[in-house]
Amino acid sequence: MMLAYLSWRIATGKSKRILFNFLMTGHTRLTPDRFFGLFKQRFGKYDINSFEDIMECVRDSTVSGQNEAVDAYNVKWYKWDEFFRKMYRHLPGMSQYHHFTFTKNLVLYKLLANDEFQETTLQIV
């Protein structure tokens, strides 16, 4: 769905070029990951029975408030997967690739940074 969304952004003129890279397994030691880990630790100790309990757990998971709960009652939800499924196809073997470039109607993709790009289009026309 993410590849379809990025292709859609290009097709609708919301972006001209998008670079999208996944880190190799084991190389995701980023600050957001650390804060998510703190939430997971707290979540395991909470008695969660409602959405409000989850919100409280998120707020309590960091001392200085880095994890912030967003009230889903004020969020507008879309079924993006249904929307994109009608316009874009899946990239076979997508999970093995780490580097993507979206431009015009093309998706360029490759496994490693030094590999040659392959290209395809995801649009169903």
PDB file of N, CA and C in Angstrom:
ATOM      1  N   MET A   1       0.814  -1.173   0.000  1.00  0.00           N
ATOM      2  CA  MET A   1       0.000   0.000   0.000  1.00  0.00           C
ATOM      3  C   MET A   1       0.873   1.259   0.000  1.00  0.00           C
ATOM      4  N   MET A   2       2.005   1.202   0.702  1.00  0.00           N
ATOM      5  CA  MET A   2       2.894   2.361   0.771  1.00  0.00           C
ATOM      6  C   MET A   2       3.452   2.712  -0.607  1.00  0.00           C
ATOM      7  N   LEU A   3       3.838   1.703  -1.382  1.00  0.00           N
ATOM      8  CA  LEU A   3       4.350   1.971  -2.726  1.00  0.00           C
ATOM      9  C   LEU A   3       3.259   2.587  -3.597  1.00  0.00           C
ATOM     10  N   ALA A   4       2.036   2.105  -3.463  1.00  0.00           N
ATOM     11  CA  ALA A   4       0.914   2.673  -4.216  1.00  0.00           C
ATOM     12  C   ALA A   4       0.688   4.124  -3.806  1.00  0.00           C
ATOM     13  N   TYR A   5       0.750   4.398  -2.508  1.00  0.00           N
ATOM     14  CA  TYR A   5       0.559   5.764  -2.024  1.00  0.00           C
ATOM     15  C   TYR A   5       1.626   6.706  -2.594  1.00  0.00           C
ATOM     16  N   LEU A   6       2.876   6.276  -2.579  1.00  0.00           N
ATOM     17  CA  LEU A   6       3.949   7.127  -3.098  1.00  0.00           C
ATOM     18  C   LEU A   6       3.811   7.325  -4.604  1.00  0.00           C
ATOM     19  N   SER A   7       3.405   6.289  -5.331  1.00  0.00           N
ATOM     20  CA  SER A   7       3.136   6.423  -6.774  1.00  0.00           C
ATOM     21  C   SER A   7       1.997   7.416  -7.014  1.00  0.00           C
ATOM     22  N   TRP A   8       0.971   7.343  -6.199  1.00  0.00           N
ATOM     23  CA  TRP A   8      -0.176   8.245  -6.306  1.00  0.00           C
ATOM     24  C   TRP A   8       0.244   9.695  -6.070  1.00  0.00           C
ATOM     25  N   ARG A   9       1.125   9.921  -5.090  1.00  0.00           N
ATOM     26  CA  ARG A   9       1.610  11.282  -4.825  1.00  0.00           C
ATOM     27  C   ARG A   9       2.290  11.868  -6.064  1.00  0.00           C
ATOM     28  N   ILE A  10       3.078  11.043  -6.743  1.00  0.00           N
ATOM     29  CA  ILE A  10       3.746  11.490  -7.968  1.00  0.00           C
ATOM     30  C   ILE A  10       2.705  11.752  -9.056  1.00  0.00           C
ATOM     31  N   ALA A  11       1.790  10.800  -9.256  1.00  0.00           N
ATOM     32  CA  ALA A  11       0.785  10.899 -10.329  1.00  0.00           C
ATOM     33  C   ALA A  11      -0.122  12.112 -10.159  1.00  0.00           C
ATOM     34  N   THR A  12      -0.397  12.509  -8.930  1.00  0.00           N
ATOM     35  CA  THR A  12      -1.291  13.638  -8.677  1.00  0.00           C
ATOM     36  C   THR A  12      -0.547  14.965  -8.534  1.00  0.00           C
ATOM     37  N   GLY A  13       0.781  14.939  -8.698  1.00  0.00           N
ATOM     38  CA  GLY A  13       1.562  16.169  -8.633  1.00  0.00           C
ATOM     39  C   GLY A  13       1.849  16.671  -7.226  1.00  0.00           C
ATOM     40  N   LYS A  14       1.555  15.873  -6.217  1.00  0.00           N
ATOM     41  CA  LYS A  14       1.833  16.285  -4.833  1.00  0.00           C
ATOM     42  C   LYS A  14       3.333  16.237  -4.535  1.00  0.00           C
ATOM     43  N   SER A  15       4.053  15.400  -5.280  1.00  0.00           N
ATOM     44  CA  SER A  15       5.518  15.309  -5.169  1.00  0.00           C
ATOM     45  C   SER A  15       6.074  15.107  -6.570  1.00  0.00           C
ATOM     46  N   LYS A  16       7.311  15.588  -6.795  1.00  0.00           N
ATOM     47  CA  LYS A  16       7.950  15.409  -8.099  1.00  0.00           C
ATOM     48  C   LYS A  16       8.829  14.160  -8.123  1.00  0.00           C
ATOM     49  N   ARG A  17       9.484  13.896  -7.006  1.00  0.00           N
ATOM     50  CA  ARG A  17      10.402  12.759  -6.904  1.00  0.00           C
ATOM     51  C   ARG A  17      10.449  12.338  -5.448  1.00  0.00           C
ATOM     52  N   ILE A  18      10.387  11.046  -5.218  1.00  0.00           N
ATOM     53  CA  ILE A  18      10.418  10.531  -3.850  1.00  0.00           C
ATOM     54  C   ILE A  18      11.469   9.438  -3.766  1.00  0.00           C
ATOM     55  N   LEU A  19      12.359   9.543  -2.787  1.00  0.00           N
ATOM     56  CA  LEU A  19      13.322   8.492  -2.471  1.00  0.00           C
ATOM     57  C   LEU A  19      12.829   7.809  -1.211  1.00  0.00           C
ATOM     58  N   PHE A  20      12.768   6.491  -1.235  1.00  0.00           N
ATOM     59  CA  PHE A  20      12.225   5.721  -0.115  1.00  0.00           C
ATOM     60  C   PHE A  20      13.176   4.564   0.137  1.00  0.00           C
ATOM     61  N   ASN A  21      13.809   4.534   1.318  1.00  0.00           N
ATOM     62  CA  ASN A  21      14.812   3.522   1.634  1.00  0.00           C
ATOM     63  C   ASN A  21      14.464   2.818   2.935  1.00  0.00           C
ATOM     64  N   PHE A  22      14.615   1.496   2.917  1.00  0.00           N
ATOM     65  CA  PHE A  22      14.465   0.696   4.123  1.00  0.00           C
ATOM     66  C   PHE A  22      15.858   0.357   4.628  1.00  0.00           C
ATOM     67  N   LEU A  23      16.037   0.407   5.937  1.00  0.00           N
ATOM     68  CA  LEU A  23      17.310  -0.017   6.514  1.00  0.00           C
ATOM     69  C   LEU A  23      17.385  -1.540   6.500  1.00  0.00           C
ATOM     70  N   MET A  24      18.594  -2.043   6.434  1.00  0.00           N
ATOM     71  CA  MET A  24      18.803  -3.484   6.498  1.00  0.00           C
ATOM     72  C   MET A  24      18.369  -3.976   7.880  1.00  0.00           C
ATOM     73  N   THR A  25      17.942  -5.212   7.964  1.00  0.00           N
ATOM     74  CA  THR A  25      17.525  -5.806   9.231  1.00  0.00           C
ATOM     75  C   THR A  25      18.647  -5.662  10.262  1.00  0.00           C
ATOM     76  N   GLY A  26      18.283  -5.194  11.455  1.00  0.00           N
ATOM     77  CA  GLY A  26      19.261  -5.006  12.522  1.00  0.00           C
ATOM     78  C   GLY A  26      19.854  -3.616  12.581  1.00  0.00           C
ATOM     79  N   HIS A  27      19.504  -2.743  11.647  1.00  0.00           N
ATOM     80  CA  HIS A  27      20.053  -1.392  11.616  1.00  0.00           C
ATOM     81  C   HIS A  27      18.977  -0.344  11.882  1.00  0.00           C
ATOM     82  N   THR A  28      18.073  -0.638  12.790  1.00  0.00           N
ATOM     83  CA  THR A  28      16.981   0.285  13.066  1.00  0.00           C
ATOM     84  C   THR A  28      17.086   0.860  14.482  1.00  0.00           C
ATOM     85  N   ARG A  29      18.251   1.257  14.857  1.00  0.00           N
ATOM     86  CA  ARG A  29      18.467   1.806  16.192  1.00  0.00           C
ATOM     87  C   ARG A  29      18.258   3.325  16.170  1.00  0.00           C
ATOM     88  N   LEU A  30      17.035   3.726  15.997  1.00  0.00           N
ATOM     89  CA  LEU A  30      16.703   5.143  15.920  1.00  0.00           C
ATOM     90  C   LEU A  30      15.930   5.559  17.162  1.00  0.00           C
ATOM     91  N   THR A  31      15.926   6.840  17.460  1.00  0.00           N
ATOM     92  CA  THR A  31      15.223   7.358  18.629  1.00  0.00           C
ATOM     93  C   THR A  31      13.762   6.940  18.663  1.00  0.00           C
ATOM     94  N   PRO A  32      12.997   7.047  17.548  1.00  0.00           N
ATOM     95  CA  PRO A  32      11.600   6.603  17.612  1.00  0.00           C
ATOM     96  C   PRO A  32      11.455   5.137  17.996  1.00  0.00           C
ATOM     97  N   ASP A  33      12.392   4.302  17.562  1.00  0.00           N
ATOM     98  CA  ASP A  33      12.338   2.888  17.937  1.00  0.00           C
ATOM     99  C   ASP A  33      12.519   2.722  19.443  1.00  0.00           C
ATOM    100  N   ARG A  34      13.404   3.518  20.020  1.00  0.00           N
ATOM    101  CA  ARG A  34      13.642   3.442  21.458  1.00  0.00           C
ATOM    102  C   ARG A  34      12.380   3.826  22.224  1.00  0.00           C
ATOM    103  N   PHE A  35      11.702   4.893  21.781  1.00  0.00           N
ATOM    104  CA  PHE A  35      10.488   5.329  22.467  1.00  0.00           C
ATOM    105  C   PHE A  35       9.350   4.327  22.278  1.00  0.00           C
ATOM    106  N   PHE A  36       9.293   3.679  21.098  1.00  0.00           N
ATOM    107  CA  PHE A  36       8.290   2.636  20.908  1.00  0.00           C
ATOM    108  C   PHE A  36       8.584   1.459  21.836  1.00  0.00           C
ATOM    109  N   GLY A  37       9.873   1.153  22.028  1.00  0.00           N
ATOM    110  CA  GLY A  37      10.262   0.090  22.955  1.00  0.00           C
ATOM    111  C   GLY A  37       9.815   0.398  24.378  1.00  0.00           C
ATOM    112  N   LEU A  38       9.914   1.672  24.791  1.00  0.00           N
ATOM    113  CA  LEU A  38       9.446   2.064  26.124  1.00  0.00           C
ATOM    114  C   LEU A  38       7.940   1.873  26.247  1.00  0.00           C
ATOM    115  N   PHE A  39       7.218   2.203  25.167  1.00  0.00           N
ATOM    116  CA  PHE A  39       5.770   1.982  25.170  1.00  0.00           C
ATOM    117  C   PHE A  39       5.461   0.486  25.291  1.00  0.00           C
ATOM    118  N   LYS A  40       6.182  -0.362  24.536  1.00  0.00           N
ATOM    119  CA  LYS A  40       5.931  -1.805  24.587  1.00  0.00           C
ATOM    120  C   LYS A  40       6.173  -2.357  25.995  1.00  0.00           C
ATOM    121  N   GLN A  41       7.217  -1.850  26.678  1.00  0.00           N
ATOM    122  CA  GLN A  41       7.490  -2.298  28.045  1.00  0.00           C
ATOM    123  C   GLN A  41       6.333  -1.926  28.967  1.00  0.00           C
ATOM    124  N   ARG A  42       5.866  -0.690  28.845  1.00  0.00           N
ATOM    125  CA  ARG A  42       4.767  -0.208  29.691  1.00  0.00           C
ATOM    126  C   ARG A  42       3.479  -0.956  29.362  1.00  0.00           C
ATOM    127  N   PHE A  43       3.229  -1.198  28.083  1.00  0.00           N
ATOM    128  CA  PHE A  43       2.014  -1.874  27.629  1.00  0.00           C
ATOM    129  C   PHE A  43       1.891  -3.262  28.260  1.00  0.00           C
ATOM    130  N   GLY A  44       3.028  -3.959  28.389  1.00  0.00           N
ATOM    131  CA  GLY A  44       3.016  -5.298  28.988  1.00  0.00           C
ATOM    132  C   GLY A  44       2.620  -5.310  30.454  1.00  0.00           C
ATOM    133  N   LYS A  45       2.722  -4.168  31.131  1.00  0.00           N
ATOM    134  CA  LYS A  45       2.403  -4.091  32.556  1.00  0.00           C
ATOM    135  C   LYS A  45       1.033  -3.473  32.832  1.00  0.00           C
ATOM    136  N   TYR A  46       0.372  -2.976  31.779  1.00  0.00           N
ATOM    137  CA  TYR A  46      -0.914  -2.301  31.926  1.00  0.00           C
ATOM    138  C   TYR A  46      -2.075  -3.274  31.776  1.00  0.00           C
ATOM    139  N   ASP A  47      -3.167  -2.946  32.441  1.00  0.00           N
ATOM    140  CA  ASP A  47      -4.426  -3.661  32.252  1.00  0.00           C
ATOM    141  C   ASP A  47      -5.240  -2.830  31.255  1.00  0.00           C
ATOM    142  N   ILE A  48      -5.217  -3.218  29.989  1.00  0.00           N
ATOM    143  CA  ILE A  48      -5.853  -2.453  28.921  1.00  0.00           C
ATOM    144  C   ILE A  48      -7.241  -3.019  28.653  1.00  0.00           C
ATOM    145  N   ASN A  49      -8.259  -2.193  28.873  1.00  0.00           N
ATOM    146  CA  ASN A  49      -9.635  -2.599  28.619  1.00  0.00           C
ATOM    147  C   ASN A  49     -10.380  -1.642  27.701  1.00  0.00           C
ATOM    148  N   SER A  50      -9.732  -0.544  27.338  1.00  0.00           N
ATOM    149  CA  SER A  50     -10.419   0.453  26.510  1.00  0.00           C
ATOM    150  C   SER A  50      -9.385   1.280  25.746  1.00  0.00           C
ATOM    151  N   PHE A  51      -9.892   2.047  24.793  1.00  0.00           N
ATOM    152  CA  PHE A  51      -9.013   2.951  24.050  1.00  0.00           C
ATOM    153  C   PHE A  51      -8.383   3.976  24.990  1.00  0.00           C
ATOM    154  N   GLU A  52      -9.147   4.439  25.971  1.00  0.00           N
ATOM    155  CA  GLU A  52      -8.628   5.409  26.946  1.00  0.00           C
ATOM    156  C   GLU A  52      -7.457   4.822  27.737  1.00  0.00           C
ATOM    157  N   ASP A  53      -7.527   3.511  28.039  1.00  0.00           N
ATOM    158  CA  ASP A  53      -6.417   2.845  28.740  1.00  0.00           C
ATOM    159  C   ASP A  53      -5.148   2.858  27.892  1.00  0.00           C
ATOM    160  N   ILE A  54      -5.293   2.649  26.587  1.00  0.00           N
ATOM    161  CA  ILE A  54      -4.131   2.696  25.696  1.00  0.00           C
ATOM    162  C   ILE A  54      -3.560   4.103  25.668  1.00  0.00           C
ATOM    163  N   MET A  55      -4.434   5.110  25.589  1.00  0.00           N
ATOM    164  CA  MET A  55      -3.975   6.505  25.589  1.00  0.00           C
ATOM    165  C   MET A  55      -3.175   6.801  26.860  1.00  0.00           C
ATOM    166  N   GLU A  56      -3.675   6.356  27.995  1.00  0.00           N
ATOM    167  CA  GLU A  56      -2.981   6.575  29.265  1.00  0.00           C
ATOM    168  C   GLU A  56      -1.634   5.849  29.277  1.00  0.00           C
ATOM    169  N   CYS A  57      -1.602   4.635  28.761  1.00  0.00           N
ATOM    170  CA  CYS A  57      -0.364   3.858  28.700  1.00  0.00           C
ATOM    171  C   CYS A  57       0.685   4.577  27.858  1.00  0.00           C
ATOM    172  N   VAL A  58       0.286   5.121  26.715  1.00  0.00           N
ATOM    173  CA  VAL A  58       1.214   5.872  25.859  1.00  0.00           C
ATOM    174  C   VAL A  58       1.758   7.076  26.620  1.00  0.00           C
ATOM    175  N   ARG A  59       0.879   7.847  27.241  1.00  0.00           N
ATOM    176  CA  ARG A  59       1.306   9.053  27.988  1.00  0.00           C
ATOM    177  C   ARG A  59       2.267   8.700  29.129  1.00  0.00           C
ATOM    178  N   ASP A  60       2.018   7.566  29.783  1.00  0.00           N
ATOM    179  CA  ASP A  60       2.838   7.169  30.933  1.00  0.00           C
ATOM    180  C   ASP A  60       4.136   6.460  30.542  1.00  0.00           C
ATOM    181  N   SER A  61       4.329   6.169  29.269  1.00  0.00           N
ATOM    182  CA  SER A  61       5.472   5.355  28.864  1.00  0.00           C
ATOM    183  C   SER A  61       6.797   6.119  28.848  1.00  0.00           C
ATOM    184  N   THR A  62       6.755   7.453  28.806  1.00  0.00           N
ATOM    185  CA  THR A  62       7.991   8.248  28.871  1.00  0.00           C
ATOM    186  C   THR A  62       7.834   9.331  29.924  1.00  0.00           C
ATOM    187  N   VAL A  63       8.891   9.558  30.653  1.00  0.00           N
ATOM    188  CA  VAL A  63       8.860  10.519  31.752  1.00  0.00           C
ATOM    189  C   VAL A  63       8.666  11.944  31.260  1.00  0.00           C
ATOM    190  N   SER A  64       9.377  12.319  30.194  1.00  0.00           N
ATOM    191  CA  SER A  64       9.315  13.715  29.731  1.00  0.00           C
ATOM    192  C   SER A  64       8.346  13.925  28.565  1.00  0.00           C
ATOM    193  N   GLY A  65       7.465  12.944  28.298  1.00  0.00           N
ATOM    194  CA  GLY A  65       6.384  13.135  27.342  1.00  0.00           C
ATOM    195  C   GLY A  65       6.731  12.990  25.871  1.00  0.00           C
ATOM    196  N   GLN A  66       7.815  12.266  25.544  1.00  0.00           N
ATOM    197  CA  GLN A  66       8.151  12.083  24.125  1.00  0.00           C
ATOM    198  C   GLN A  66       7.079  11.279  23.397  1.00  0.00           C
ATOM    199  N   ASN A  67       6.498  10.287  24.067  1.00  0.00           N
ATOM    200  CA  ASN A  67       5.395   9.528  23.470  1.00  0.00           C
ATOM    201  C   ASN A  67       4.104  10.277  23.742  1.00  0.00           C
ATOM    202  N   GLU A  68       3.447  10.659  22.679  1.00  0.00           N
ATOM    203  CA  GLU A  68       2.225  11.462  22.794  1.00  0.00           C
ATOM    204  C   GLU A  68       1.059  10.686  22.192  1.00  0.00           C
ATOM    205  N   ALA A  69      -0.003  10.565  22.956  1.00  0.00           N
ATOM    206  CA  ALA A  69      -1.196   9.867  22.486  1.00  0.00           C
ATOM    207  C   ALA A  69      -2.051  10.830  21.666  1.00  0.00           C
ATOM    208  N   VAL A  70      -2.561  10.344  20.543  1.00  0.00           N
ATOM    209  CA  VAL A  70      -3.436  11.139  19.690  1.00  0.00           C
ATOM    210  C   VAL A  70      -4.839  10.604  19.845  1.00  0.00           C
ATOM    211  N   ASP A  71      -5.747  11.470  20.195  1.00  0.00           N
ATOM    212  CA  ASP A  71      -7.141  11.097  20.383  1.00  0.00           C
ATOM    213  C   ASP A  71      -7.749  10.703  19.038  1.00  0.00           C
ATOM    214  N   ALA A  72      -8.039   9.434  18.863  1.00  0.00           N
ATOM    215  CA  ALA A  72      -8.548   8.931  17.578  1.00  0.00           C
ATOM    216  C   ALA A  72      -9.969   9.407  17.282  1.00  0.00           C
ATOM    217  N   TYR A  73     -10.622   9.970  18.261  1.00  0.00           N
ATOM    218  CA  TYR A  73     -11.974  10.467  18.011  1.00  0.00           C
ATOM    219  C   TYR A  73     -11.944  11.683  17.086  1.00  0.00           C
ATOM    220  N   ASN A  74     -10.821  12.375  17.035  1.00  0.00           N
ATOM    221  CA  ASN A  74     -10.687  13.549  16.182  1.00  0.00           C
ATOM    222  C   ASN A  74      -9.917  13.254  14.896  1.00  0.00           C
ATOM    223  N   VAL A  75      -9.646  11.984  14.635  1.00  0.00           N
ATOM    224  CA  VAL A  75      -8.906  11.583  13.450  1.00  0.00           C
ATOM    225  C   VAL A  75      -9.894  11.118  12.390  1.00  0.00           C
ATOM    226  N   LYS A  76      -9.696  11.587  11.171  1.00  0.00           N
ATOM    227  CA  LYS A  76     -10.531  11.125  10.068  1.00  0.00           C
ATOM    228  C   LYS A  76      -9.839   9.914   9.445  1.00  0.00           C
ATOM    229  N   TRP A  77     -10.520   8.784   9.420  1.00  0.00           N
ATOM    230  CA  TRP A  77      -9.953   7.531   8.933  1.00  0.00           C
ATOM    231  C   TRP A  77     -10.349   7.306   7.482  1.00  0.00           C
ATOM    232  N   TYR A  78      -9.409   6.842   6.681  1.00  0.00           N
ATOM    233  CA  TYR A  78      -9.642   6.509   5.282  1.00  0.00           C
ATOM    234  C   TYR A  78      -9.273   5.052   5.054  1.00  0.00           C
ATOM    235  N   LYS A  79      -9.916   4.417   4.085  1.00  0.00           N
ATOM    236  CA  LYS A  79      -9.570   3.049   3.701  1.00  0.00           C
ATOM    237  C   LYS A  79      -8.663   3.128   2.473  1.00  0.00           C
ATOM    238  N   TRP A  80      -7.419   3.563   2.722  1.00  0.00           N
ATOM    239  CA  TRP A  80      -6.479   3.779   1.629  1.00  0.00           C
ATOM    240  C   TRP A  80      -6.218   2.506   0.844  1.00  0.00           C
ATOM    241  N   ASP A  81      -6.163   1.361   1.518  1.00  0.00           N
ATOM    242  CA  ASP A  81      -5.881   0.113   0.809  1.00  0.00           C
ATOM    243  C   ASP A  81      -6.947  -0.176  -0.247  1.00  0.00           C
ATOM    244  N   GLU A  82      -8.217   0.042   0.068  1.00  0.00           N
ATOM    245  CA  GLU A  82      -9.293  -0.158  -0.907  1.00  0.00           C
ATOM    246  C   GLU A  82      -9.179   0.845  -2.058  1.00  0.00           C
ATOM    247  N   PHE A  83      -8.854   2.076  -1.731  1.00  0.00           N
ATOM    248  CA  PHE A  83      -8.723   3.136  -2.729  1.00  0.00           C
ATOM    249  C   PHE A  83      -7.604   2.818  -3.722  1.00  0.00           C
ATOM    250  N   PHE A  84      -6.437   2.428  -3.204  1.00  0.00           N
ATOM    251  CA  PHE A  84      -5.278   2.182  -4.062  1.00  0.00           C
ATOM    252  C   PHE A  84      -5.354   0.852  -4.803  1.00  0.00           C
ATOM    253  N   ARG A  85      -6.038  -0.142  -4.242  1.00  0.00           N
ATOM    254  CA  ARG A  85      -6.128  -1.459  -4.872  1.00  0.00           C
ATOM    255  C   ARG A  85      -6.744  -1.369  -6.271  1.00  0.00           C
ATOM    256  N   LYS A  86      -7.603  -0.404  -6.501  1.00  0.00           N
ATOM    257  CA  LYS A  86      -8.263  -0.234  -7.797  1.00  0.00           C
ATOM    258  C   LYS A  86      -7.339   0.395  -8.842  1.00  0.00           C
ATOM    259  N   MET A  87      -6.288   1.069  -8.403  1.00  0.00           N
ATOM    260  CA  MET A  87      -5.431   1.824  -9.321  1.00  0.00           C
ATOM    261  C   MET A  87      -4.017   1.283  -9.466  1.00  0.00           C
ATOM    262  N   TYR A  88      -3.529   0.537  -8.455  1.00  0.00           N
ATOM    263  CA  TYR A  88      -2.128   0.113  -8.440  1.00  0.00           C
ATOM    264  C   TYR A  88      -2.013  -1.373  -8.139  1.00  0.00           C
ATOM    265  N   ARG A  89      -1.014  -1.982  -8.741  1.00  0.00           N
ATOM    266  CA  ARG A  89      -0.725  -3.388  -8.480  1.00  0.00           C
ATOM    267  C   ARG A  89       0.443  -3.493  -7.498  1.00  0.00           C
ATOM    268  N   HIS A  90       0.625  -4.680  -6.954  1.00  0.00           N
ATOM    269  CA  HIS A  90       1.743  -4.939  -6.043  1.00  0.00           C
ATOM    270  C   HIS A  90       3.028  -5.155  -6.834  1.00  0.00           C
ATOM    271  N   LEU A  91       4.135  -4.843  -6.229  1.00  0.00           N
ATOM    272  CA  LEU A  91       5.447  -5.153  -6.796  1.00  0.00           C
ATOM    273  C   LEU A  91       5.847  -6.533  -6.284  1.00  0.00           C
ATOM    274  N   PRO A  92       5.923  -7.536  -7.168  1.00  0.00           N
ATOM    275  CA  PRO A  92       6.296  -8.887  -6.714  1.00  0.00           C
ATOM    276  C   PRO A  92       7.653  -8.871  -6.005  1.00  0.00           C
ATOM    277  N   GLY A  93       7.730  -9.541  -4.863  1.00  0.00           N
ATOM    278  CA  GLY A  93       8.981  -9.626  -4.108  1.00  0.00           C
ATOM    279  C   GLY A  93       9.388  -8.325  -3.454  1.00  0.00           C
ATOM    280  N   MET A  94       8.451  -7.414  -3.278  1.00  0.00           N
ATOM    281  CA  MET A  94       8.743  -6.067  -2.767  1.00  0.00           C
ATOM    282  C   MET A  94       9.553  -6.083  -1.468  1.00  0.00           C
ATOM    283  N   SER A  95       9.280  -7.039  -0.601  1.00  0.00           N
ATOM    284  CA  SER A  95       9.930  -7.035   0.714  1.00  0.00           C
ATOM    285  C   SER A  95      11.430  -7.292   0.657  1.00  0.00           C
ATOM    286  N   GLN A  96      11.948  -7.773  -0.469  1.00  0.00           N
ATOM    287  CA  GLN A  96      13.385  -8.019  -0.558  1.00  0.00           C
ATOM    288  C   GLN A  96      14.167  -6.772  -0.960  1.00  0.00           C
ATOM    289  N   TYR A  97      13.498  -5.744  -1.457  1.00  0.00           N
ATOM    290  CA  TYR A  97      14.183  -4.537  -1.929  1.00  0.00           C
ATOM    291  C   TYR A  97      14.275  -3.489  -0.824  1.00  0.00           C
ATOM    292  N   HIS A  98      15.348  -2.714  -0.862  1.00  0.00           N
ATOM    293  CA  HIS A  98      15.587  -1.721   0.184  1.00  0.00           C
ATOM    294  C   HIS A  98      15.571  -0.279  -0.323  1.00  0.00           C
ATOM    295  N   HIS A  99      15.673  -0.080  -1.632  1.00  0.00           N
ATOM    296  CA  HIS A  99      15.801   1.272  -2.179  1.00  0.00           C
ATOM    297  C   HIS A  99      14.790   1.486  -3.302  1.00  0.00           C
ATOM    298  N   PHE A 100      14.030   2.579  -3.192  1.00  0.00           N
ATOM    299  CA  PHE A 100      12.998   2.902  -4.179  1.00  0.00           C
ATOM    300  C   PHE A 100      13.097   4.369  -4.554  1.00  0.00           C
ATOM    301  N   THR A 101      12.889   4.655  -5.822  1.00  0.00           N
ATOM    302  CA  THR A 101      12.781   6.030  -6.302  1.00  0.00           C
ATOM    303  C   THR A 101      11.507   6.107  -7.139  1.00  0.00           C
ATOM    304  N   PHE A 102      10.670   7.078  -6.832  1.00  0.00           N
ATOM    305  CA  PHE A 102       9.418   7.290  -7.553  1.00  0.00           C
ATOM    306  C   PHE A 102       9.556   8.565  -8.362  1.00  0.00           C
ATOM    307  N   THR A 103       9.294   8.466  -9.653  1.00  0.00           N
ATOM    308  CA  THR A 103       9.363   9.629 -10.520  1.00  0.00           C
ATOM    309  C   THR A 103       8.451   9.394 -11.717  1.00  0.00           C
ATOM    310  N   LYS A 104       7.688  10.390 -12.094  1.00  0.00           N
ATOM    311  CA  LYS A 104       6.708  10.281 -13.177  1.00  0.00           C
ATOM    312  C   LYS A 104       5.907   9.003 -13.014  1.00  0.00           C
ATOM    313  N   ASN A 105       5.861   8.147 -14.040  1.00  0.00           N
ATOM    314  CA  ASN A 105       5.082   6.907 -13.939  1.00  0.00           C
ATOM    315  C   ASN A 105       5.926   5.702 -13.545  1.00  0.00           C
ATOM    316  N   LEU A 106       7.176   5.917 -13.174  1.00  0.00           N
ATOM    317  CA  LEU A 106       8.086   4.806 -12.906  1.00  0.00           C
ATOM    318  C   LEU A 106       8.404   4.644 -11.428  1.00  0.00           C
ATOM    319  N   VAL A 107       8.618   3.392 -11.063  1.00  0.00           N
ATOM    320  CA  VAL A 107       9.183   3.058  -9.763  1.00  0.00           C
ATOM    321  C   VAL A 107      10.505   2.363 -10.054  1.00  0.00           C
ATOM    322  N   LEU A 108      11.581   2.943  -9.561  1.00  0.00           N
ATOM    323  CA  LEU A 108      12.908   2.335  -9.667  1.00  0.00           C
ATOM    324  C   LEU A 108      13.182   1.646  -8.338  1.00  0.00           C
ATOM    325  N   TYR A 109      13.707   0.436  -8.383  1.00  0.00           N
ATOM    326  CA  TYR A 109      13.929  -0.301  -7.146  1.00  0.00           C
ATOM    327  C   TYR A 109      15.183  -1.162  -7.262  1.00  0.00           C
ATOM    328  N   LYS A 110      15.826  -1.376  -6.102  1.00  0.00           N
ATOM    329  CA  LYS A 110      17.017  -2.233  -6.062  1.00  0.00           C
ATOM    330  C   LYS A 110      17.192  -2.771  -4.657  1.00  0.00           C
ATOM    331  N   LEU A 111      17.950  -3.849  -4.582  1.00  0.00           N
ATOM    332  CA  LEU A 111      18.178  -4.502  -3.301  1.00  0.00           C
ATOM    333  C   LEU A 111      19.194  -3.733  -2.461  1.00  0.00           C
ATOM    334  N   LEU A 112      20.389  -3.534  -2.991  1.00  0.00           N
ATOM    335  CA  LEU A 112      21.469  -2.869  -2.259  1.00  0.00           C
ATOM    336  C   LEU A 112      21.825  -1.547  -2.919  1.00  0.00           C
ATOM    337  N   ALA A 113      22.444  -0.663  -2.171  1.00  0.00           N
ATOM    338  CA  ALA A 113      22.762   0.678  -2.661  1.00  0.00           C
ATOM    339  C   ALA A 113      23.620   0.661  -3.925  1.00  0.00           C
ATOM    340  N   ASN A 114      24.539  -0.286  -4.059  1.00  0.00           N
ATOM    341  CA  ASN A 114      25.428  -0.338  -5.222  1.00  0.00           C
ATOM    342  C   ASN A 114      24.858  -1.112  -6.408  1.00  0.00           C
ATOM    343  N   ASP A 115      23.691  -1.712  -6.255  1.00  0.00           N
ATOM    344  CA  ASP A 115      23.063  -2.462  -7.346  1.00  0.00           C
ATOM    345  C   ASP A 115      22.499  -1.507  -8.394  1.00  0.00           C
ATOM    346  N   GLU A 116      22.249  -2.058  -9.578  1.00  0.00           N
ATOM    347  CA  GLU A 116      21.592  -1.293 -10.633  1.00  0.00           C
ATOM    348  C   GLU A 116      20.091  -1.261 -10.356  1.00  0.00           C
ATOM    349  N   PHE A 117      19.468  -0.126 -10.662  1.00  0.00           N
ATOM    350  CA  PHE A 117      18.024  -0.024 -10.496  1.00  0.00           C
ATOM    351  C   PHE A 117      17.307  -0.876 -11.540  1.00  0.00           C
ATOM    352  N   GLN A 118      16.211  -1.462 -11.150  1.00  0.00           N
ATOM    353  CA  GLN A 118      15.241  -2.066 -12.045  1.00  0.00           C
ATOM    354  C   GLN A 118      14.066  -1.086 -12.086  1.00  0.00           C
ATOM    355  N   GLU A 119      13.253  -1.155 -13.107  1.00  0.00           N
ATOM    356  CA  GLU A 119      12.128  -0.226 -13.147  1.00  0.00           C
ATOM    357  C   GLU A 119      10.839  -0.926 -13.525  1.00  0.00           C
ATOM    358  N   THR A 120       9.759  -0.363 -13.032  1.00  0.00           N
ATOM    359  CA  THR A 120       8.417  -0.869 -13.320  1.00  0.00           C
ATOM    360  C   THR A 120       7.422   0.270 -13.144  1.00  0.00           C
ATOM    361  N   THR A 121       6.207  -0.003 -13.474  1.00  0.00           N
ATOM    362  CA  THR A 121       5.108   0.901 -13.161  1.00  0.00           C
ATOM    363  C   THR A 121       4.103   0.108 -12.343  1.00  0.00           C
ATOM    364  N   LEU A 122       3.488   0.729 -11.367  1.00  0.00           N
ATOM    365  CA  LEU A 122       2.518   0.052 -10.532  1.00  0.00           C
ATOM    366  C   LEU A 122       1.089   0.391 -10.924  1.00  0.00           C
ATOM    367  N   GLN A 123       0.937   1.372 -11.797  1.00  0.00           N
ATOM    368  CA  GLN A 123      -0.410   1.803 -12.188  1.00  0.00           C
ATOM    369  C   GLN A 123      -1.123   0.749 -13.002  1.00  0.00           C
ATOM    370  N   ILE A 124      -2.387   0.584 -12.718  1.00  0.00           N
ATOM    371  CA  ILE A 124      -3.265  -0.268 -13.511  1.00  0.00           C
ATOM    372  C   ILE A 124      -4.079   0.691 -14.382  1.00  0.00           C
ATOM    373  N   VAL A 125      -3.885   0.610 -15.673  1.00  0.00           N
ATOM    374  CA  VAL A 125      -4.607   1.539 -16.569  1.00  0.00           C
ATOM    375  C   VAL A 125      -5.468   0.766 -17.539  1.00  0.00           C
TER     376      VAL A 125
END
